């Protein structure tokens, strides 16, 4: 099953790519070592991982709530 990518996710990916390209240009232009690049990449990875985890958690909670509601509905139907 193929899921459609969320617009916010696509925007975040494009933003990360743009920041990375800007950092690479900065590094090449000013001859600064990879410390700046590693710092920027670490920040991007940290924020991306946090947002992905948050989104996954919210989806899981939503799924569990809908399953619980369905179970409660079935139990009520069985008790009648």
N, C-alpha and C. Protein backbone atom coordinates (compact mmCIF):
# COMPACT_ATOMS: atom_id res chain seq x y z
N UNK A 1 0.85 -1.17 0.00
CA UNK A 1 0.00 0.00 0.00
C UNK A 1 0.89 1.24 0.00
N UNK A 2 0.67 2.14 -0.92
CA UNK A 2 1.46 3.36 -1.04
C UNK A 2 0.69 4.50 -0.39
N UNK A 3 1.38 5.20 0.52
CA UNK A 3 0.74 6.33 1.19
C UNK A 3 1.16 7.62 0.51
N UNK A 4 0.23 8.56 0.43
CA UNK A 4 0.53 9.87 -0.14
C UNK A 4 1.31 10.68 0.89
N UNK A 5 2.34 11.37 0.44
CA UNK A 5 3.16 12.16 1.34
C UNK A 5 2.40 13.41 1.78
N UNK A 6 2.48 13.69 3.05
CA UNK A 6 1.87 14.87 3.63
C UNK A 6 2.58 16.12 3.09
N UNK A 7 1.83 17.20 2.83
CA UNK A 7 2.42 18.43 2.32
C UNK A 7 3.46 19.00 3.28
N UNK A 8 3.20 18.91 4.58
CA UNK A 8 4.14 19.42 5.57
C UNK A 8 5.44 18.62 5.54
N UNK A 9 5.33 17.32 5.33
CA UNK A 9 6.52 16.48 5.26
C UNK A 9 7.36 16.86 4.04
N UNK A 10 6.71 17.06 2.91
CA UNK A 10 7.42 17.45 1.70
C UNK A 10 8.09 18.81 1.89
N UNK A 11 7.40 19.74 2.51
CA UNK A 11 7.96 21.06 2.76
C UNK A 11 9.17 20.96 3.69
N UNK A 12 9.11 20.10 4.71
CA UNK A 12 10.23 19.92 5.61
C UNK A 12 11.44 19.33 4.88
N UNK A 13 11.19 18.36 4.01
CA UNK A 13 12.30 17.75 3.25
C UNK A 13 12.96 18.79 2.34
N UNK A 14 12.16 19.58 1.65
CA UNK A 14 12.71 20.62 0.77
C UNK A 14 13.50 21.63 1.60
N UNK A 15 12.98 22.01 2.76
CA UNK A 15 13.69 22.94 3.63
C UNK A 15 15.03 22.39 4.08
N UNK A 16 15.05 21.11 4.45
CA UNK A 16 16.31 20.48 4.87
C UNK A 16 17.32 20.46 3.73
N UNK A 17 16.85 20.14 2.54
CA UNK A 17 17.75 20.12 1.38
C UNK A 17 18.31 21.52 1.09
N UNK A 18 17.45 22.53 1.18
CA UNK A 18 17.91 23.90 0.92
C UNK A 18 18.95 24.34 1.94
N UNK A 19 18.71 24.05 3.21
CA UNK A 19 19.67 24.42 4.25
C UNK A 19 20.99 23.70 4.03
N UNK A 20 20.91 22.43 3.65
CA UNK A 20 22.14 21.67 3.42
C UNK A 20 22.92 22.24 2.24
N UNK A 21 22.23 22.60 1.16
CA UNK A 21 22.90 23.18 0.00
C UNK A 21 23.53 24.52 0.37
N UNK A 22 22.80 25.34 1.11
CA UNK A 22 23.36 26.62 1.53
C UNK A 22 24.60 26.42 2.39
N UNK A 23 24.55 25.43 3.26
CA UNK A 23 25.71 25.15 4.11
C UNK A 23 26.89 24.67 3.29
N UNK A 24 26.65 23.83 2.30
CA UNK A 24 27.74 23.36 1.43
C UNK A 24 28.36 24.52 0.65
N UNK A 25 27.53 25.42 0.13
CA UNK A 25 28.04 26.58 -0.59
C UNK A 25 28.87 27.45 0.35
N UNK A 26 28.37 27.65 1.56
CA UNK A 26 29.10 28.43 2.56
C UNK A 26 30.45 27.80 2.85
N UNK A 27 30.44 26.47 3.00
CA UNK A 27 31.68 25.76 3.32
C UNK A 27 32.69 25.88 2.17
N UNK A 28 32.22 25.73 0.93
CA UNK A 28 33.11 25.80 -0.22
C UNK A 28 33.63 27.22 -0.46
N UNK A 29 32.77 28.20 -0.24
CA UNK A 29 33.15 29.59 -0.50
C UNK A 29 34.15 30.12 0.52
N UNK A 30 33.94 29.79 1.80
CA UNK A 30 34.77 30.35 2.87
C UNK A 30 35.81 29.37 3.40
N UNK A 31 35.92 28.20 2.77
CA UNK A 31 36.93 27.19 3.14
C UNK A 31 36.92 26.84 4.63
N UNK A 32 35.75 26.69 5.17
CA UNK A 32 35.62 26.29 6.57
C UNK A 32 35.49 24.77 6.59
N UNK A 33 36.09 24.14 7.60
CA UNK A 33 36.06 22.68 7.66
C UNK A 33 34.64 22.16 7.88
N UNK A 34 34.52 20.86 8.05
CA UNK A 34 33.21 20.21 8.13
C UNK A 34 32.48 20.38 9.43
N UNK A 35 33.05 21.10 10.40
CA UNK A 35 32.38 21.26 11.70
C UNK A 35 31.04 21.96 11.56
N UNK A 36 31.00 22.98 10.72
CA UNK A 36 29.74 23.71 10.51
C UNK A 36 28.73 22.79 9.83
N UNK A 37 29.18 22.05 8.84
CA UNK A 37 28.29 21.14 8.13
C UNK A 37 27.75 20.06 9.07
N UNK A 38 28.61 19.51 9.90
CA UNK A 38 28.17 18.48 10.85
C UNK A 38 27.17 19.06 11.85
N UNK A 39 27.42 20.27 12.31
CA UNK A 39 26.50 20.91 13.25
C UNK A 39 25.13 21.13 12.62
N UNK A 40 25.11 21.67 11.40
CA UNK A 40 23.84 21.91 10.70
C UNK A 40 23.13 20.58 10.43
N UNK A 41 23.87 19.58 9.98
CA UNK A 41 23.27 18.28 9.70
C UNK A 41 22.70 17.65 10.97
N UNK A 42 23.39 17.82 12.09
CA UNK A 42 22.91 17.28 13.36
C UNK A 42 21.63 17.96 13.80
N UNK A 43 21.58 19.26 13.63
CA UNK A 43 20.36 20.00 14.00
C UNK A 43 19.20 19.56 13.12
N UNK A 44 19.43 19.45 11.82
CA UNK A 44 18.38 19.03 10.89
C UNK A 44 17.91 17.62 11.24
N UNK A 45 18.84 16.71 11.50
CA UNK A 45 18.47 15.33 11.83
C UNK A 45 17.69 15.27 13.14
N UNK A 46 18.11 16.06 14.11
CA UNK A 46 17.42 16.06 15.40
C UNK A 46 15.99 16.56 15.28
N UNK A 47 15.82 17.68 14.59
CA UNK A 47 14.47 18.24 14.43
C UNK A 47 13.61 17.31 13.59
N UNK A 48 14.18 16.75 12.54
CA UNK A 48 13.42 15.83 11.68
C UNK A 48 13.00 14.59 12.44
N UNK A 49 13.92 14.02 13.21
CA UNK A 49 13.59 12.84 14.01
C UNK A 49 12.52 13.12 15.03
N UNK A 50 12.60 14.29 15.66
CA UNK A 50 11.58 14.67 16.64
C UNK A 50 10.20 14.79 15.99
N UNK A 51 10.15 15.48 14.85
CA UNK A 51 8.86 15.65 14.17
C UNK A 51 8.30 14.33 13.67
N UNK A 52 9.17 13.47 13.14
CA UNK A 52 8.72 12.17 12.67
C UNK A 52 8.18 11.34 13.83
N UNK A 53 8.89 11.34 14.95
CA UNK A 53 8.44 10.61 16.12
C UNK A 53 7.12 11.15 16.65
N UNK A 54 6.99 12.47 16.66
CA UNK A 54 5.75 13.09 17.13
C UNK A 54 4.58 12.71 16.22
N UNK A 55 4.80 12.76 14.92
CA UNK A 55 3.75 12.40 13.97
C UNK A 55 3.37 10.93 14.10
N UNK A 56 4.36 10.06 14.25
CA UNK A 56 4.10 8.64 14.41
C UNK A 56 3.31 8.37 15.68
N UNK A 57 3.69 9.05 16.76
CA UNK A 57 2.98 8.89 18.03
C UNK A 57 1.52 9.35 17.90
N UNK A 58 1.31 10.49 17.28
CA UNK A 58 -0.06 11.00 17.11
C UNK A 58 -0.90 10.05 16.27
N UNK A 59 -0.32 9.50 15.21
CA UNK A 59 -1.05 8.54 14.37
C UNK A 59 -1.38 7.28 15.14
N UNK A 60 -0.44 6.80 15.97
CA UNK A 60 -0.68 5.61 16.77
C UNK A 60 -1.79 5.84 17.78
N UNK A 61 -1.77 6.99 18.45
CA UNK A 61 -2.81 7.31 19.42
C UNK A 61 -4.17 7.40 18.73
N UNK A 62 -4.20 8.04 17.56
CA UNK A 62 -5.45 8.15 16.81
C UNK A 62 -5.98 6.77 16.44
N UNK A 63 -5.09 5.88 16.00
CA UNK A 63 -5.49 4.53 15.61
C UNK A 63 -6.00 3.75 16.81
N UNK A 64 -5.28 3.85 17.93
CA UNK A 64 -5.72 3.12 19.13
C UNK A 64 -7.05 3.64 19.64
N UNK A 65 -7.27 4.94 19.59
CA UNK A 65 -8.54 5.50 20.03
C UNK A 65 -9.69 5.02 19.16
N UNK A 66 -9.47 4.94 17.85
CA UNK A 66 -10.54 4.48 16.96
C UNK A 66 -10.82 2.99 17.18
N UNK A 67 -9.76 2.20 17.44
CA UNK A 67 -9.96 0.77 17.70
C UNK A 67 -10.69 0.58 19.03
N UNK A 68 -10.34 1.36 20.05
CA UNK A 68 -11.02 1.26 21.33
C UNK A 68 -12.48 1.64 21.21
N UNK A 69 -12.78 2.68 20.43
CA UNK A 69 -14.16 3.08 20.23
C UNK A 69 -14.95 1.97 19.55
N UNK A 70 -14.33 1.29 18.60
CA UNK A 70 -14.98 0.19 17.90
C UNK A 70 -15.23 -0.98 18.86
N UNK A 71 -14.25 -1.29 19.72
CA UNK A 71 -14.43 -2.37 20.70
C UNK A 71 -15.55 -2.05 21.69
N UNK A 72 -15.60 -0.82 22.15
CA UNK A 72 -16.67 -0.41 23.08
C UNK A 72 -18.02 -0.53 22.41
N UNK A 73 -18.10 -0.13 21.14
CA UNK A 73 -19.36 -0.23 20.39
C UNK A 73 -19.79 -1.68 20.27
N UNK A 74 -18.85 -2.58 19.97
CA UNK A 74 -19.18 -4.01 19.84
C UNK A 74 -19.63 -4.59 21.16
N UNK A 75 -18.97 -4.19 22.25
CA UNK A 75 -19.37 -4.70 23.58
C UNK A 75 -20.78 -4.26 23.93
N UNK A 76 -21.11 -3.03 23.63
CA UNK A 76 -22.46 -2.53 23.90
C UNK A 76 -23.49 -3.28 23.07
N UNK A 77 -23.15 -3.58 21.81
CA UNK A 77 -24.07 -4.30 20.95
C UNK A 77 -24.26 -5.74 21.47
N UNK A 78 -23.19 -6.34 21.97
CA UNK A 78 -23.29 -7.71 22.48
C UNK A 78 -24.08 -7.78 23.78
N UNK A 79 -24.00 -6.72 24.58
CA UNK A 79 -24.72 -6.73 25.87
C UNK A 79 -26.20 -6.53 25.69
N UNK A 80 -26.63 -5.98 24.57
CA UNK A 80 -28.06 -5.73 24.34
C UNK A 80 -28.75 -6.95 23.85
